[in-house]
Amino acid sequence: MALEGIKRLKEFFASLGIPVTLTGAGIPEGKFDEMARKATEEGPLGQFVKLDKDDVKKIYELAK
């Protein structure tokens, strides 16, 4: 059910012309490393699970 909701939300955003991926928003994959580094400059992100630079980059790669 959750995956169907995600699919429909993406379709809705796309119907409005809203990018649904990072590359769709004009962010090239070559920037992911820099973005991950900047996101974790002051240490890991998160409270429940700590995310380091590599974790953040993997999330960006999934969102490309």
N, C-alpha and C. Protein backbone atom coordinates (compact mmCIF):
# COMPACT_ATOMS: atom_id res chain seq x y z
N MET A 1 0.83 -1.19 0.00
CA MET A 1 0.00 0.00 0.00
C MET A 1 0.88 1.26 0.00
N ALA A 2 1.93 1.21 0.78
CA ALA A 2 2.82 2.38 0.85
C ALA A 2 3.47 2.65 -0.51
N LEU A 3 3.93 1.59 -1.18
CA LEU A 3 4.57 1.77 -2.48
C LEU A 3 3.59 2.33 -3.51
N GLU A 4 2.34 1.91 -3.44
CA GLU A 4 1.33 2.44 -4.35
C GLU A 4 1.11 3.93 -4.08
N GLY A 5 1.12 4.31 -2.81
CA GLY A 5 0.97 5.72 -2.44
C GLY A 5 2.13 6.55 -2.97
N ILE A 6 3.34 6.02 -2.86
CA ILE A 6 4.52 6.72 -3.38
C ILE A 6 4.40 6.88 -4.90
N LYS A 7 4.01 5.81 -5.57
CA LYS A 7 3.86 5.85 -7.03
C LYS A 7 2.86 6.92 -7.45
N ARG A 8 1.73 6.95 -6.77
CA ARG A 8 0.70 7.93 -7.13
C ARG A 8 1.13 9.36 -6.82
N LEU A 9 1.86 9.54 -5.72
CA LEU A 9 2.34 10.88 -5.38
C LEU A 9 3.34 11.36 -6.44
N LYS A 10 4.23 10.47 -6.88
CA LYS A 10 5.17 10.82 -7.94
C LYS A 10 4.44 11.19 -9.22
N GLU A 11 3.43 10.42 -9.55
CA GLU A 11 2.64 10.71 -10.75
C GLU A 11 1.94 12.06 -10.63
N PHE A 12 1.42 12.35 -9.44
CA PHE A 12 0.75 13.63 -9.21
C PHE A 12 1.73 14.79 -9.37
N PHE A 13 2.91 14.68 -8.72
CA PHE A 13 3.91 15.73 -8.85
C PHE A 13 4.31 15.92 -10.32
N ALA A 14 4.52 14.80 -11.02
CA ALA A 14 4.90 14.88 -12.43
C ALA A 14 3.80 15.56 -13.25
N SER A 15 2.53 15.31 -12.91
CA SER A 15 1.44 15.94 -13.66
C SER A 15 1.42 17.45 -13.45
N LEU A 16 2.00 17.91 -12.34
CA LEU A 16 2.09 19.34 -12.06
C LEU A 16 3.38 19.95 -12.59
N GLY A 17 4.23 19.10 -13.17
CA GLY A 17 5.51 19.59 -13.68
C GLY A 17 6.57 19.74 -12.61
N ILE A 18 6.36 19.13 -11.45
CA ILE A 18 7.31 19.21 -10.35
C ILE A 18 8.30 18.05 -10.48
N PRO A 19 9.60 18.32 -10.45
CA PRO A 19 10.58 17.23 -10.55
C PRO A 19 10.41 16.24 -9.40
N VAL A 20 10.59 14.97 -9.69
CA VAL A 20 10.46 13.94 -8.67
C VAL A 20 11.77 13.22 -8.39
N THR A 21 12.83 13.66 -9.04
CA THR A 21 14.17 13.13 -8.79
C THR A 21 15.16 14.28 -8.71
N LEU A 22 16.32 14.00 -8.16
CA LEU A 22 17.34 15.05 -8.08
C LEU A 22 17.82 15.46 -9.47
N THR A 23 18.06 14.49 -10.34
CA THR A 23 18.50 14.84 -11.69
C THR A 23 17.38 15.54 -12.45
N GLY A 24 16.14 15.20 -12.16
CA GLY A 24 15.01 15.88 -12.78
C GLY A 24 14.93 17.33 -12.35
N ALA A 25 15.49 17.62 -11.16
CA ALA A 25 15.53 18.99 -10.65
C ALA A 25 16.78 19.73 -11.13
N GLY A 26 17.56 19.06 -12.01
CA GLY A 26 18.74 19.72 -12.56
C GLY A 26 20.00 19.55 -11.74
N ILE A 27 20.00 18.63 -10.79
CA ILE A 27 21.18 18.38 -9.97
C ILE A 27 21.93 17.18 -10.55
N PRO A 28 23.11 17.40 -11.11
CA PRO A 28 23.84 16.29 -11.72
C PRO A 28 24.42 15.34 -10.67
N GLU A 29 24.56 14.08 -11.05
CA GLU A 29 25.11 13.08 -10.14
C GLU A 29 26.49 13.46 -9.62
N GLY A 30 27.23 14.20 -10.40
CA GLY A 30 28.57 14.62 -9.99
C GLY A 30 28.58 15.52 -8.76
N LYS A 31 27.44 16.07 -8.39
CA LYS A 31 27.35 16.95 -7.22
C LYS A 31 27.02 16.20 -5.94
N PHE A 32 26.62 14.92 -6.04
CA PHE A 32 26.16 14.18 -4.87
C PHE A 32 27.21 14.08 -3.77
N ASP A 33 28.48 13.86 -4.17
CA ASP A 33 29.53 13.74 -3.17
C ASP A 33 29.70 15.05 -2.41
N GLU A 34 29.73 16.15 -3.13
CA GLU A 34 29.87 17.47 -2.50
C GLU A 34 28.66 17.76 -1.59
N MET A 35 27.47 17.43 -2.06
CA MET A 35 26.27 17.67 -1.26
C MET A 35 26.30 16.84 0.02
N ALA A 36 26.73 15.58 -0.07
CA ALA A 36 26.81 14.71 1.10
C ALA A 36 27.85 15.23 2.09
N ARG A 37 28.97 15.70 1.55
CA ARG A 37 30.02 16.26 2.42
C ARG A 37 29.51 17.48 3.17
N LYS A 38 28.84 18.37 2.44
CA LYS A 38 28.32 19.58 3.08
C LYS A 38 27.23 19.27 4.10
N ALA A 39 26.41 18.26 3.80
CA ALA A 39 25.32 17.91 4.71
C ALA A 39 25.83 17.37 6.04
N THR A 40 27.04 16.78 6.01
CA THR A 40 27.57 16.17 7.22
C THR A 40 28.81 16.88 7.76
N GLU A 41 29.00 18.11 7.35
CA GLU A 41 30.18 18.88 7.80
C GLU A 41 30.27 18.96 9.32
N GLU A 42 29.14 19.08 9.96
CA GLU A 42 29.15 19.23 11.42
C GLU A 42 28.88 17.92 12.14
N GLY A 43 29.03 16.82 11.42
CA GLY A 43 28.84 15.51 12.03
C GLY A 43 27.69 14.76 11.38
N PRO A 44 27.48 13.54 11.85
CA PRO A 44 26.43 12.70 11.28
C PRO A 44 25.05 13.32 11.45
N LEU A 45 24.14 12.94 10.54
CA LEU A 45 22.76 13.40 10.59
C LEU A 45 21.90 12.34 11.26
N GLY A 46 20.80 12.75 11.84
CA GLY A 46 19.82 11.80 12.37
C GLY A 46 19.90 11.62 13.87
N GLN A 47 18.81 11.14 14.40
CA GLN A 47 18.73 10.87 15.83
C GLN A 47 18.67 9.37 16.11
N PHE A 48 17.77 8.67 15.44
CA PHE A 48 17.59 7.24 15.67
C PHE A 48 18.74 6.45 15.05
N VAL A 49 19.03 6.75 13.79
CA VAL A 49 20.15 6.13 13.08
C VAL A 49 21.04 7.26 12.58
N LYS A 50 22.30 7.22 12.92
CA LYS A 50 23.24 8.25 12.48
C LYS A 50 23.66 7.99 11.04
N LEU A 51 23.57 9.02 10.22
CA LEU A 51 23.93 8.93 8.81
C LEU A 51 25.21 9.71 8.57
N ASP A 52 26.23 9.01 8.07
CA ASP A 52 27.47 9.70 7.73
C ASP A 52 27.45 10.08 6.25
N LYS A 53 28.55 10.63 5.77
CA LYS A 53 28.63 11.12 4.39
C LYS A 53 28.28 10.04 3.38
N ASP A 54 28.80 8.84 3.57
CA ASP A 54 28.53 7.76 2.63
C ASP A 54 27.06 7.36 2.62
N ASP A 55 26.43 7.36 3.80
CA ASP A 55 25.00 7.04 3.88
C ASP A 55 24.17 8.08 3.13
N VAL A 56 24.51 9.34 3.33
CA VAL A 56 23.78 10.43 2.68
C VAL A 56 23.95 10.35 1.17
N LYS A 57 25.16 10.05 0.72
CA LYS A 57 25.40 9.93 -0.73
C LYS A 57 24.58 8.78 -1.32
N LYS A 58 24.48 7.67 -0.60
CA LYS A 58 23.68 6.54 -1.08
C LYS A 58 22.20 6.95 -1.24
N ILE A 59 21.71 7.75 -0.31
CA ILE A 59 20.32 8.23 -0.39
C ILE A 59 20.16 9.10 -1.64
N TYR A 60 21.12 9.99 -1.86
CA TYR A 60 21.07 10.83 -3.07
C TYR A 60 21.07 9.97 -4.33
N GLU A 61 21.91 8.92 -4.33
CA GLU A 61 21.98 8.06 -5.51
C GLU A 61 20.64 7.33 -5.73
N LEU A 62 19.96 6.98 -4.67
CA LEU A 62 18.64 6.35 -4.80
C LEU A 62 17.59 7.33 -5.33
N ALA A 63 17.84 8.62 -5.07
CA ALA A 63 16.89 9.65 -5.49
C ALA A 63 17.26 10.28 -6.83
N LYS A 64 18.24 9.72 -7.51
CA LYS A 64 18.65 10.32 -8.79
C LYS A 64 17.63 10.00 -9.80
